[in-house]
């Protein structure tokens, strides 16, 4: 994997959580291994994203209000999806209970052969 790009994905997700949640919100980054996948999540307890917007939140130039004015966020999430997909993973959004959003992405785990 390209570690710089994966760090960029995490940065974009955390940056969005900071920008789109109230100052008193909590943001949690977690990781775990599930079979042959690394699963990384960025969760917040902000206002969340409506079900209607969840299906389009990774589309380029899409914002919940259908305005291009929030293109930085939509470009950032579209870029995240592109990076994760190019690494053989997936990125999703779900509700954080009782409130907020969770962005989760997976990356395949493979054994690396070093040739010296």
PDB file of N, CA and C in Angstrom:
ATOM      1  N   UNK A   1       0.842  -1.173   0.000  1.00  0.00           N
ATOM      2  CA  UNK A   1       0.000   0.000   0.000  1.00  0.00           C
ATOM      3  C   UNK A   1       0.884   1.232   0.000  1.00  0.00           C
ATOM      4  N   UNK A   2       0.324   2.298  -0.439  1.00  0.00           N
ATOM      5  CA  UNK A   2       1.003   3.583  -0.390  1.00  0.00           C
ATOM      6  C   UNK A   2       0.600   4.256   0.921  1.00  0.00           C
ATOM      7  N   UNK A   3       1.497   4.199   1.897  1.00  0.00           N
ATOM      8  CA  UNK A   3       1.188   4.709   3.236  1.00  0.00           C
ATOM      9  C   UNK A   3       0.816   6.187   3.217  1.00  0.00           C
ATOM     10  N   UNK A   4       1.452   6.971   2.365  1.00  0.00           N
ATOM     11  CA  UNK A   4       1.146   8.398   2.287  1.00  0.00           C
ATOM     12  C   UNK A   4      -0.309   8.622   1.883  1.00  0.00           C
ATOM     13  N   UNK A   5      -0.799   7.836   0.935  1.00  0.00           N
ATOM     14  CA  UNK A   5      -2.191   7.987   0.502  1.00  0.00           C
ATOM     15  C   UNK A   5      -3.170   7.542   1.588  1.00  0.00           C
ATOM     16  N   UNK A   6      -2.840   6.475   2.305  1.00  0.00           N
ATOM     17  CA  UNK A   6      -3.727   6.007   3.377  1.00  0.00           C
ATOM     18  C   UNK A   6      -3.767   7.030   4.514  1.00  0.00           C
ATOM     19  N   UNK A   7      -2.635   7.637   4.829  1.00  0.00           N
ATOM     20  CA  UNK A   7      -2.615   8.709   5.828  1.00  0.00           C
ATOM     21  C   UNK A   7      -3.482   9.870   5.343  1.00  0.00           C
ATOM     22  N   UNK A   8      -3.449  10.164   4.049  1.00  0.00           N
ATOM     23  CA  UNK A   8      -4.288  11.230   3.497  1.00  0.00           C
ATOM     24  C   UNK A   8      -5.775  10.913   3.671  1.00  0.00           C
ATOM     25  N   UNK A   9      -6.159   9.659   3.475  1.00  0.00           N
ATOM     26  CA  UNK A   9      -7.553   9.253   3.680  1.00  0.00           C
ATOM     27  C   UNK A   9      -7.959   9.513   5.129  1.00  0.00           C
ATOM     28  N   UNK A  10      -7.131   9.058   6.067  1.00  0.00           N
ATOM     29  CA  UNK A  10      -7.443   9.262   7.491  1.00  0.00           C
ATOM     30  C   UNK A  10      -7.509  10.757   7.802  1.00  0.00           C
ATOM     31  N   UNK A  11      -6.574  11.516   7.272  1.00  0.00           N
ATOM     32  CA  UNK A  11      -6.572  12.971   7.487  1.00  0.00           C
ATOM     33  C   UNK A  11      -7.867  13.595   6.967  1.00  0.00           C
ATOM     34  N   UNK A  12      -8.286  13.232   5.752  1.00  0.00           N
ATOM     35  CA  UNK A  12      -9.521  13.785   5.182  1.00  0.00           C
ATOM     36  C   UNK A  12     -10.738  13.444   6.031  1.00  0.00           C
ATOM     37  N   UNK A  13     -10.818  12.197   6.501  1.00  0.00           N
ATOM     38  CA  UNK A  13     -11.971  11.786   7.305  1.00  0.00           C
ATOM     39  C   UNK A  13     -12.000  12.513   8.649  1.00  0.00           C
ATOM     40  N   UNK A  14     -10.853  12.650   9.288  1.00  0.00           N
ATOM     41  CA  UNK A  14     -10.788  13.368  10.571  1.00  0.00           C
ATOM     42  C   UNK A  14     -11.072  14.850  10.353  1.00  0.00           C
ATOM     43  N   UNK A  15     -10.505  15.421   9.300  1.00  0.00           N
ATOM     44  CA  UNK A  15     -10.736  16.832   8.993  1.00  0.00           C
ATOM     45  C   UNK A  15     -12.227  17.110   8.784  1.00  0.00           C
ATOM     46  N   UNK A  16     -12.911  16.234   8.049  1.00  0.00           N
ATOM     47  CA  UNK A  16     -14.357  16.393   7.858  1.00  0.00           C
ATOM     48  C   UNK A  16     -15.103  16.279   9.177  1.00  0.00           C
ATOM     49  N   UNK A  17     -14.699  15.328  10.011  1.00  0.00           N
ATOM     50  CA  UNK A  17     -15.369  15.177  11.311  1.00  0.00           C
ATOM     51  C   UNK A  17     -15.197  16.443  12.145  1.00  0.00           C
ATOM     52  N   UNK A  18     -14.025  17.031  12.109  1.00  0.00           N
ATOM     53  CA  UNK A  18     -13.785  18.268  12.864  1.00  0.00           C
ATOM     54  C   UNK A  18     -14.634  19.408  12.302  1.00  0.00           C
ATOM     55  N   UNK A  19     -14.678  19.540  10.984  1.00  0.00           N
ATOM     56  CA  UNK A  19     -15.397  20.652  10.349  1.00  0.00           C
ATOM     57  C   UNK A  19     -16.907  20.549  10.485  1.00  0.00           C
ATOM     58  N   UNK A  20     -17.455  19.341  10.497  1.00  0.00           N
ATOM     59  CA  UNK A  20     -18.900  19.170  10.397  1.00  0.00           C
ATOM     60  C   UNK A  20     -19.551  18.638  11.671  1.00  0.00           C
ATOM     61  N   UNK A  21     -18.859  18.766  12.793  1.00  0.00           N
ATOM     62  CA  UNK A  21     -19.454  18.417  14.082  1.00  0.00           C
ATOM     63  C   UNK A  21     -19.255  19.586  15.041  1.00  0.00           C
ATOM     64  N   UNK A  22     -20.114  19.700  16.051  1.00  0.00           N
ATOM     65  CA  UNK A  22     -19.958  20.778  17.034  1.00  0.00           C
ATOM     66  C   UNK A  22     -18.631  20.650  17.794  1.00  0.00           C
ATOM     67  N   UNK A  23     -18.189  21.765  18.356  1.00  0.00           N
ATOM     68  CA  UNK A  23     -16.912  21.792  19.083  1.00  0.00           C
ATOM     69  C   UNK A  23     -16.821  20.762  20.198  1.00  0.00           C
ATOM     70  N   UNK A  24     -17.920  20.422  20.817  1.00  0.00           N
ATOM     71  CA  UNK A  24     -17.905  19.498  21.947  1.00  0.00           C
ATOM     72  C   UNK A  24     -17.970  18.029  21.526  1.00  0.00           C
ATOM     73  N   UNK A  25     -17.909  17.750  20.237  1.00  0.00           N
ATOM     74  CA  UNK A  25     -18.034  16.376  19.739  1.00  0.00           C
ATOM     75  C   UNK A  25     -16.778  15.562  20.017  1.00  0.00           C
ATOM     76  N   UNK A  26     -16.965  14.252  20.061  1.00  0.00           N
ATOM     77  CA  UNK A  26     -15.856  13.313  20.179  1.00  0.00           C
ATOM     78  C   UNK A  26     -15.612  12.670  18.824  1.00  0.00           C
ATOM     79  N   UNK A  27     -14.339  12.494  18.500  1.00  0.00           N
ATOM     80  CA  UNK A  27     -13.940  11.814  17.267  1.00  0.00           C
ATOM     81  C   UNK A  27     -13.047  10.656  17.678  1.00  0.00           C
ATOM     82  N   UNK A  28     -13.382   9.468  17.197  1.00  0.00           N
ATOM     83  CA  UNK A  28     -12.632   8.262  17.565  1.00  0.00           C
ATOM     84  C   UNK A  28     -12.109   7.585  16.308  1.00  0.00           C
ATOM     85  N   UNK A  29     -10.822   7.278  16.316  1.00  0.00           N
ATOM     86  CA  UNK A  29     -10.211   6.507  15.237  1.00  0.00           C
ATOM     87  C   UNK A  29      -9.905   5.129  15.801  1.00  0.00           C
ATOM     88  N   UNK A  30     -10.362   4.095  15.110  1.00  0.00           N
ATOM     89  CA  UNK A  30     -10.109   2.732  15.595  1.00  0.00           C
ATOM     90  C   UNK A  30      -9.688   1.837  14.436  1.00  0.00           C
ATOM     91  N   UNK A  31      -9.028   0.760  14.782  1.00  0.00           N
ATOM     92  CA  UNK A  31      -8.628  -0.215  13.765  1.00  0.00           C
ATOM     93  C   UNK A  31      -8.714  -1.610  14.358  1.00  0.00           C
ATOM     94  N   UNK A  32      -8.955  -2.563  13.482  1.00  0.00           N
ATOM     95  CA  UNK A  32      -8.983  -3.964  13.892  1.00  0.00           C
ATOM     96  C   UNK A  32      -8.707  -4.820  12.670  1.00  0.00           C
ATOM     97  N   UNK A  33      -8.413  -6.069  12.925  1.00  0.00           N
ATOM     98  CA  UNK A  33      -8.213  -7.023  11.845  1.00  0.00           C
ATOM     99  C   UNK A  33      -9.418  -7.950  11.817  1.00  0.00           C
ATOM    100  N   UNK A  34      -9.998  -8.121  10.645  1.00  0.00           N
ATOM    101  CA  UNK A  34     -11.095  -9.058  10.447  1.00  0.00           C
ATOM    102  C   UNK A  34     -10.678  -9.966   9.298  1.00  0.00           C
ATOM    103  N   UNK A  35     -10.363 -11.205   9.643  1.00  0.00           N
ATOM    104  CA  UNK A  35      -9.853 -12.166   8.664  1.00  0.00           C
ATOM    105  C   UNK A  35      -8.629 -11.574   7.973  1.00  0.00           C
ATOM    106  N   UNK A  36      -8.689 -11.396   6.682  1.00  0.00           N
ATOM    107  CA  UNK A  36      -7.542 -10.870   5.934  1.00  0.00           C
ATOM    108  C   UNK A  36      -7.752  -9.406   5.542  1.00  0.00           C
ATOM    109  N   UNK A  37      -8.469  -8.672   6.393  1.00  0.00           N
ATOM    110  CA  UNK A  37      -8.745  -7.265   6.133  1.00  0.00           C
ATOM    111  C   UNK A  37      -8.362  -6.416   7.348  1.00  0.00           C
ATOM    112  N   UNK A  38      -7.738  -5.279   7.089  1.00  0.00           N
ATOM    113  CA  UNK A  38      -7.585  -4.247   8.108  1.00  0.00           C
ATOM    114  C   UNK A  38      -8.826  -3.369   7.994  1.00  0.00           C
ATOM    115  N   UNK A  39      -9.470  -3.096   9.129  1.00  0.00           N
ATOM    116  CA  UNK A  39     -10.693  -2.293   9.148  1.00  0.00           C
ATOM    117  C   UNK A  39     -10.407  -1.050   9.996  1.00  0.00           C
ATOM    118  N   UNK A  40     -10.478   0.115   9.376  1.00  0.00           N
ATOM    119  CA  UNK A  40     -10.184   1.378  10.043  1.00  0.00           C
ATOM    120  C   UNK A  40     -11.451   2.224  10.029  1.00  0.00           C
ATOM    121  N   UNK A  41     -11.784   2.808  11.186  1.00  0.00           N
ATOM    122  CA  UNK A  41     -13.000   3.614  11.305  1.00  0.00           C
ATOM    123  C   UNK A  41     -12.694   4.971  11.924  1.00  0.00           C
ATOM    124  N   UNK A  42     -13.399   5.978  11.436  1.00  0.00           N
ATOM    125  CA  UNK A  42     -13.382   7.308  12.039  1.00  0.00           C
ATOM    126  C   UNK A  42     -14.832   7.614  12.389  1.00  0.00           C
ATOM    127  N   UNK A  43     -15.103   7.732  13.689  1.00  0.00           N
ATOM    128  CA  UNK A  43     -16.472   7.933  14.178  1.00  0.00           C
ATOM    129  C   UNK A  43     -16.577   9.278  14.891  1.00  0.00           C
ATOM    130  N   UNK A  44     -17.733   9.910  14.753  1.00  0.00           N
ATOM    131  CA  UNK A  44     -18.001  11.139  15.492  1.00  0.00           C
ATOM    132  C   UNK A  44     -19.390  11.056  16.100  1.00  0.00           C
ATOM    133  N   UNK A  45     -19.681  11.959  17.012  1.00  0.00           N
ATOM    134  CA  UNK A  45     -21.016  12.005  17.598  1.00  0.00           C
ATOM    135  C   UNK A  45     -21.699  13.330  17.274  1.00  0.00           C
ATOM    136  N   UNK A  46     -21.475  13.785  16.035  1.00  0.00           N
ATOM    137  CA  UNK A  46     -22.113  15.013  15.549  1.00  0.00           C
ATOM    138  C   UNK A  46     -23.551  14.763  15.143  1.00  0.00           C
ATOM    139  N   UNK A  47     -24.040  15.568  14.204  1.00  0.00           N
ATOM    140  CA  UNK A  47     -25.450  15.478  13.808  1.00  0.00           C
ATOM    141  C   UNK A  47     -25.729  14.321  12.862  1.00  0.00           C
ATOM    142  N   UNK A  48     -24.693  13.751  12.269  1.00  0.00           N
ATOM    143  CA  UNK A  48     -24.885  12.621  11.368  1.00  0.00           C
ATOM    144  C   UNK A  48     -25.227  13.059   9.951  1.00  0.00           C
ATOM    145  N   UNK A  49     -25.417  12.083   9.087  1.00  0.00           N
ATOM    146  CA  UNK A  49     -25.740  12.307   7.681  1.00  0.00           C
ATOM    147  C   UNK A  49     -27.015  11.534   7.379  1.00  0.00           C
ATOM    148  N   UNK A  50     -27.937  12.189   6.705  1.00  0.00           N
ATOM    149  CA  UNK A  50     -29.226  11.559   6.428  1.00  0.00           C
ATOM    150  C   UNK A  50     -29.044  10.336   5.538  1.00  0.00           C
ATOM    151  N   UNK A  51     -29.997   9.405   5.624  1.00  0.00           N
ATOM    152  CA  UNK A  51     -29.957   8.210   4.783  1.00  0.00           C
ATOM    153  C   UNK A  51     -29.953   8.587   3.304  1.00  0.00           C
ATOM    154  N   UNK A  52     -30.684   9.622   2.956  1.00  0.00           N
ATOM    155  CA  UNK A  52     -30.746  10.087   1.565  1.00  0.00           C
ATOM    156  C   UNK A  52     -29.365  10.511   1.064  1.00  0.00           C
ATOM    157  N   UNK A  53     -28.597  11.170   1.916  1.00  0.00           N
ATOM    158  CA  UNK A  53     -27.277  11.658   1.514  1.00  0.00           C
ATOM    159  C   UNK A  53     -26.188  10.592   1.595  1.00  0.00           C
ATOM    160  N   UNK A  54     -26.381   9.571   2.397  1.00  0.00           N
ATOM    161  CA  UNK A  54     -25.362   8.520   2.536  1.00  0.00           C
ATOM    162  C   UNK A  54     -25.037   7.859   1.197  1.00  0.00           C
ATOM    163  N   UNK A  55     -26.041   7.653   0.370  1.00  0.00           N
ATOM    164  CA  UNK A  55     -25.815   6.953  -0.895  1.00  0.00           C
ATOM    165  C   UNK A  55     -25.005   7.786  -1.891  1.00  0.00           C
ATOM    166  N   UNK A  56     -24.897   9.083  -1.661  1.00  0.00           N
ATOM    167  CA  UNK A  56     -24.208   9.949  -2.622  1.00  0.00           C
ATOM    168  C   UNK A  56     -23.019  10.693  -2.034  1.00  0.00           C
ATOM    169  N   UNK A  57     -22.731  10.485  -0.758  1.00  0.00           N
ATOM    170  CA  UNK A  57     -21.723  11.300  -0.079  1.00  0.00           C
ATOM    171  C   UNK A  57     -20.322  11.144  -0.688  1.00  0.00           C
ATOM    172  N   UNK A  58     -20.048  10.029  -1.368  1.00  0.00           N
ATOM    173  CA  UNK A  58     -18.742   9.822  -1.991  1.00  0.00           C
ATOM    174  C   UNK A  58     -18.708  10.270  -3.455  1.00  0.00           C
ATOM    175  N   UNK A  59     -19.823  10.797  -3.966  1.00  0.00           N
ATOM    176  CA  UNK A  59     -19.859  11.290  -5.339  1.00  0.00           C
ATOM    177  C   UNK A  59     -19.130  12.629  -5.430  1.00  0.00           C
ATOM    178  N   UNK A  60     -18.357  12.806  -6.499  1.00  0.00           N
ATOM    179  CA  UNK A  60     -17.638  14.051  -6.688  1.00  0.00           C
ATOM    180  C   UNK A  60     -18.618  15.205  -6.870  1.00  0.00           C
ATOM    181  N   UNK A  61     -18.351  16.306  -6.201  1.00  0.00           N
ATOM    182  CA  UNK A  61     -19.115  17.554  -6.261  1.00  0.00           C
ATOM    183  C   UNK A  61     -20.502  17.456  -5.636  1.00  0.00           C
ATOM    184  N   UNK A  62     -20.785  16.377  -4.911  1.00  0.00           N
ATOM    185  CA  UNK A  62     -22.091  16.275  -4.272  1.00  0.00           C
ATOM    186  C   UNK A  62     -21.999  16.796  -2.847  1.00  0.00           C
ATOM    187  N   UNK A  63     -22.981  17.577  -2.451  1.00  0.00           N
ATOM    188  CA  UNK A  63     -23.125  17.967  -1.048  1.00  0.00           C
ATOM    189  C   UNK A  63     -24.576  17.744  -0.664  1.00  0.00           C
ATOM    190  N   UNK A  64     -24.831  17.636   0.604  1.00  0.00           N
ATOM    191  CA  UNK A  64     -26.172  17.342   1.075  1.00  0.00           C
ATOM    192  C   UNK A  64     -27.203  18.344   0.612  1.00  0.00           C
ATOM    193  N   UNK A  65     -26.773  19.569   0.387  1.00  0.00           N
ATOM    194  CA  UNK A  65     -27.714  20.597  -0.053  1.00  0.00           C
ATOM    195  C   UNK A  65     -27.739  20.728  -1.569  1.00  0.00           C
ATOM    196  N   UNK A  66     -27.037  19.802  -2.275  1.00  0.00           N
ATOM    197  CA  UNK A  66     -26.935  19.827  -3.737  1.00  0.00           C
ATOM    198  C   UNK A  66     -26.285  21.099  -4.255  1.00  0.00           C
ATOM    199  N   UNK A  67     -25.406  21.696  -3.466  1.00  0.00           N
ATOM    200  CA  UNK A  67     -24.678  22.884  -3.890  1.00  0.00           C
ATOM    201  C   UNK A  67     -23.227  22.497  -4.130  1.00  0.00           C
ATOM    202  N   UNK A  68     -22.612  23.158  -5.056  1.00  0.00           N
ATOM    203  CA  UNK A  68     -21.194  22.922  -5.312  1.00  0.00           C
ATOM    204  C   UNK A  68     -20.350  23.696  -4.303  1.00  0.00           C
ATOM    205  N   UNK A  69     -20.950  24.550  -3.504  1.00  0.00           N
ATOM    206  CA  UNK A  69     -20.201  25.379  -2.563  1.00  0.00           C
ATOM    207  C   UNK A  69     -19.427  24.550  -1.549  1.00  0.00           C
ATOM    208  N   UNK A  70     -19.839  23.325  -1.313  1.00  0.00           N
ATOM    209  CA  UNK A  70     -19.158  22.461  -0.359  1.00  0.00           C
ATOM    210  C   UNK A  70     -18.288  21.451  -1.109  1.00  0.00           C
ATOM    211  N   UNK A  71     -17.746  21.878  -2.237  1.00  0.00           N
ATOM    212  CA  UNK A  71     -17.007  20.950  -3.097  1.00  0.00           C
ATOM    213  C   UNK A  71     -15.745  20.427  -2.446  1.00  0.00           C
ATOM    214  N   UNK A  72     -15.150  21.162  -1.504  1.00  0.00           N
ATOM    215  CA  UNK A  72     -13.946  20.658  -0.842  1.00  0.00           C
ATOM    216  C   UNK A  72     -14.238  19.344  -0.125  1.00  0.00           C
ATOM    217  N   UNK A  73     -15.352  19.307   0.590  1.00  0.00           N
ATOM    218  CA  UNK A  73     -15.715  18.075   1.294  1.00  0.00           C
ATOM    219  C   UNK A  73     -16.014  16.958   0.305  1.00  0.00           C
ATOM    220  N   UNK A  74     -16.814  17.260  -0.713  1.00  0.00           N
ATOM    221  CA  UNK A  74     -17.192  16.205  -1.644  1.00  0.00           C
ATOM    222  C   UNK A  74     -15.988  15.722  -2.442  1.00  0.00           C
ATOM    223  N   UNK A  75     -15.084  16.590  -2.793  1.00  0.00           N
ATOM    224  CA  UNK A  75     -13.862  16.152  -3.467  1.00  0.00           C
ATOM    225  C   UNK A  75     -13.024  15.294  -2.538  1.00  0.00           C
ATOM    226  N   UNK A  76     -12.952  15.686  -1.277  1.00  0.00           N
ATOM    227  CA  UNK A  76     -12.167  14.925  -0.308  1.00  0.00           C
ATOM    228  C   UNK A  76     -12.688  13.512  -0.129  1.00  0.00           C
ATOM    229  N   UNK A  77     -14.005  13.358  -0.018  1.00  0.00           N
ATOM    230  CA  UNK A  77     -14.582  12.025   0.155  1.00  0.00           C
ATOM    231  C   UNK A  77     -14.504  11.212  -1.125  1.00  0.00           C
ATOM    232  N   UNK A  78     -14.670  11.862  -2.278  1.00  0.00           N
ATOM    233  CA  UNK A  78     -14.515  11.157  -3.553  1.00  0.00           C
ATOM    234  C   UNK A  78     -13.074  10.676  -3.716  1.00  0.00           C
ATOM    235  N   UNK A  79     -12.122  11.502  -3.306  1.00  0.00           N
ATOM    236  CA  UNK A  79     -10.715  11.118  -3.361  1.00  0.00           C
ATOM    237  C   UNK A  79     -10.444   9.945  -2.415  1.00  0.00           C
ATOM    238  N   UNK A  80     -11.011   9.991  -1.218  1.00  0.00           N
ATOM    239  CA  UNK A  80     -10.855   8.883  -0.262  1.00  0.00           C
ATOM    240  C   UNK A  80     -11.336   7.576  -0.889  1.00  0.00           C
ATOM    241  N   UNK A  81     -12.504   7.623  -1.505  1.00  0.00           N
ATOM    242  CA  UNK A  81     -13.057   6.419  -2.128  1.00  0.00           C
ATOM    243  C   UNK A  81     -12.136   5.912  -3.232  1.00  0.00           C
ATOM    244  N   UNK A  82     -11.628   6.810  -4.041  1.00  0.00           N
ATOM    245  CA  UNK A  82     -10.735   6.426  -5.129  1.00  0.00           C
ATOM    246  C   UNK A  82      -9.454   5.775  -4.597  1.00  0.00           C
ATOM    247  N   UNK A  83      -8.883   6.350  -3.565  1.00  0.00           N
ATOM    248  CA  UNK A  83      -7.653   5.798  -2.973  1.00  0.00           C
ATOM    249  C   UNK A  83      -7.908   4.414  -2.400  1.00  0.00           C
ATOM    250  N   UNK A  84      -8.974   4.276  -1.624  1.00  0.00           N
ATOM    251  CA  UNK A  84      -9.269   2.987  -0.992  1.00  0.00           C
ATOM    252  C   UNK A  84      -9.590   1.938  -2.054  1.00  0.00           C
ATOM    253  N   UNK A  85     -10.396   2.287  -3.041  1.00  0.00           N
ATOM    254  CA  UNK A  85     -10.712   1.332  -4.112  1.00  0.00           C
ATOM    255  C   UNK A  85      -9.455   0.901  -4.861  1.00  0.00           C
ATOM    256  N   UNK A  86      -8.528   1.824  -5.099  1.00  0.00           N
ATOM    257  CA  UNK A  86      -7.304   1.471  -5.824  1.00  0.00           C
ATOM    258  C   UNK A  86      -6.408   0.542  -5.011  1.00  0.00           C
ATOM    259  N   UNK A  87      -6.615   0.498  -3.713  1.00  0.00           N
ATOM    260  CA  UNK A  87      -5.867  -0.409  -2.837  1.00  0.00           C
ATOM    261  C   UNK A  87      -6.602  -1.730  -2.616  1.00  0.00           C
ATOM    262  N   UNK A  88      -7.717  -1.932  -3.309  1.00  0.00           N
ATOM    263  CA  UNK A  88      -8.474  -3.169  -3.178  1.00  0.00           C
ATOM    264  C   UNK A  88      -9.397  -3.206  -1.980  1.00  0.00           C
ATOM    265  N   UNK A  89      -9.697  -2.039  -1.417  1.00  0.00           N
ATOM    266  CA  UNK A  89     -10.579  -1.972  -0.257  1.00  0.00           C
ATOM    267  C   UNK A  89     -11.908  -1.326  -0.604  1.00  0.00           C
ATOM    268  N   UNK A  90     -12.714  -1.121   0.426  1.00  0.00           N
ATOM    269  CA  UNK A  90     -13.993  -0.428   0.276  1.00  0.00           C
ATOM    270  C   UNK A  90     -14.110   0.604   1.390  1.00  0.00           C
ATOM    271  N   UNK A  91     -14.909   1.634   1.150  1.00  0.00           N
ATOM    272  CA  UNK A  91     -15.176   2.651   2.161  1.00  0.00           C
ATOM    273  C   UNK A  91     -16.688   2.820   2.264  1.00  0.00           C
ATOM    274  N   UNK A  92     -17.174   2.918   3.483  1.00  0.00           N
ATOM    275  CA  UNK A  92     -18.612   3.031   3.720  1.00  0.00           C
ATOM    276  C   UNK A  92     -18.883   4.081   4.788  1.00  0.00           C
ATOM    277  N   UNK A  93     -20.139   4.462   4.881  1.00  0.00           N
ATOM    278  CA  UNK A  93     -20.604   5.340   5.944  1.00  0.00           C
ATOM    279  C   UNK A  93     -21.786   4.673   6.617  1.00  0.00           C
ATOM    280  N   UNK A  94     -21.843   4.819   7.928  1.00  0.00           N
ATOM    281  CA  UNK A  94     -22.973   4.279   8.695  1.00  0.00           C
ATOM    282  C   UNK A  94     -23.270   5.232   9.844  1.00  0.00           C
ATOM    283  N   UNK A  95     -24.383   4.961  10.523  1.00  0.00           N
ATOM    284  CA  UNK A  95     -24.765   5.770  11.677  1.00  0.00           C
ATOM    285  C   UNK A  95     -23.957   5.351  12.889  1.00  0.00           C
ATOM    286  N   UNK A  96     -23.549   6.338  13.675  1.00  0.00           N
ATOM    287  CA  UNK A  96     -22.946   6.082  14.976  1.00  0.00           C
ATOM    288  C   UNK A  96     -24.072   6.170  15.992  1.00  0.00           C
ATOM    289  N   UNK A  97     -24.197   5.189  16.823  1.00  0.00           N
ATOM    290  CA  UNK A  97     -25.276   5.191  17.807  1.00  0.00           C
ATOM    291  C   UNK A  97     -24.794   5.751  19.132  1.00  0.00           C
ATOM    292  N   UNK A  98     -25.508   6.665  19.740  1.00  0.00           N
ATOM    293  CA  UNK A  98     -26.863   7.086  19.400  1.00  0.00           C
ATOM    294  C   UNK A  98     -26.911   8.228  18.386  1.00  0.00           C
ATOM    295  N   UNK A  99     -25.745   8.820  18.048  1.00  0.00           N
ATOM    296  CA  UNK A  99     -25.762   9.985  17.162  1.00  0.00           C
ATOM    297  C   UNK A  99     -24.419  10.114  16.470  1.00  0.00           C
ATOM    298  N   UNK A 100     -24.449  10.557  15.222  1.00  0.00           N
ATOM    299  CA  UNK A 100     -23.217  10.821  14.499  1.00  0.00           C
ATOM    300  C   UNK A 100     -23.025   9.892  13.314  1.00  0.00           C
ATOM    301  N   UNK A 101     -21.799   9.896  12.796  1.00  0.00           N
ATOM    302  CA  UNK A 101     -21.458   9.106  11.614  1.00  0.00           C
ATOM    303  C   UNK A 101     -20.192   8.303  11.856  1.00  0.00           C
ATOM    304  N   UNK A 102     -20.093   7.190  11.132  1.00  0.00           N
ATOM    305  CA  UNK A 102     -18.883   6.371  11.150  1.00  0.00           C
ATOM    306  C   UNK A 102     -18.477   6.122   9.703  1.00  0.00           C
ATOM    307  N   UNK A 103     -17.287   6.557   9.354  1.00  0.00           N
ATOM    308  CA  UNK A 103     -16.696   6.240   8.060  1.00  0.00           C
ATOM    309  C   UNK A 103     -15.732   5.088   8.295  1.00  0.00           C
ATOM    310  N   UNK A 104     -15.918   4.007   7.559  1.00  0.00           N
ATOM    311  CA  UNK A 104     -15.104   2.807   7.733  1.00  0.00           C
ATOM    312  C   UNK A 104     -14.523   2.407   6.384  1.00  0.00           C
ATOM    313  N   UNK A 105     -13.227   2.076   6.407  1.00  0.00           N
ATOM    314  CA  UNK A 105     -12.632   1.537   5.190  1.00  0.00           C
ATOM    315  C   UNK A 105     -11.832   0.288   5.501  1.00  0.00           C
ATOM    316  N   UNK A 106     -11.722  -0.559   4.484  1.00  0.00           N
ATOM    317  CA  UNK A 106     -10.974  -1.807   4.622  1.00  0.00           C
ATOM    318  C   UNK A 106      -9.796  -1.793   3.660  1.00  0.00           C
ATOM    319  N   UNK A 107      -8.782  -2.529   4.057  1.00  0.00           N
ATOM    320  CA  UNK A 107      -7.615  -2.750   3.211  1.00  0.00           C
ATOM    321  C   UNK A 107      -7.241  -4.217   3.312  1.00  0.00           C
ATOM    322  N   UNK A 108      -6.935  -4.864   2.198  1.00  0.00           N
ATOM    323  CA  UNK A 108      -6.535  -6.265   2.275  1.00  0.00           C
ATOM    324  C   UNK A 108      -5.182  -6.396   2.965  1.00  0.00           C
ATOM    325  N   UNK A 109      -5.057  -7.441   3.763  1.00  0.00           N
ATOM    326  CA  UNK A 109      -3.788  -7.743   4.436  1.00  0.00           C
ATOM    327  C   UNK A 109      -3.145  -8.902   3.699  1.00  0.00           C
ATOM    328  N   UNK A 110      -1.929  -8.676   3.274  1.00  0.00           N
ATOM    329  CA  UNK A 110      -1.200  -9.721   2.564  1.00  0.00           C
ATOM    330  C   UNK A 110       0.181  -9.858   3.152  1.00  0.00           C
ATOM    331  N   UNK A 111       0.732 -11.050   3.045  1.00  0.00           N
ATOM    332  CA  UNK A 111       2.090 -11.282   3.489  1.00  0.00           C
ATOM    333  C   UNK A 111       3.039 -10.691   2.457  1.00  0.00           C
ATOM    334  N   UNK A 112       4.064 -10.039   2.953  1.00  0.00           N
ATOM    335  CA  UNK A 112       5.041  -9.392   2.075  1.00  0.00           C
ATOM    336  C   UNK A 112       6.301 -10.245   2.013  1.00  0.00           C
ATOM    337  N   UNK A 113       6.791 -10.473   0.817  1.00  0.00           N
ATOM    338  CA  UNK A 113       8.038 -11.184   0.617  1.00  0.00           C
ATOM    339  C   UNK A 113       9.148 -10.161   0.379  1.00  0.00           C
ATOM    340  N   UNK A 114      10.164 -10.185   1.236  1.00  0.00           N
ATOM    341  CA  UNK A 114      11.299  -9.287   1.067  1.00  0.00           C
ATOM    342  C   UNK A 114      12.389 -10.037   0.320  1.00  0.00           C
ATOM    343  N   UNK A 115      12.886  -9.406  -0.709  1.00  0.00           N
ATOM    344  CA  UNK A 115      13.967  -9.996  -1.510  1.00  0.00           C
ATOM    345  C   UNK A 115      15.222  -9.175  -1.269  1.00  0.00           C
ATOM    346  N   UNK A 116      16.186  -9.813  -0.625  1.00  0.00           N
ATOM    347  CA  UNK A 116      17.423  -9.079  -0.296  1.00  0.00           C
ATOM    348  C   UNK A 116      18.542  -9.406  -1.221  1.00  0.00           C
TER     349      UNK A 116
END
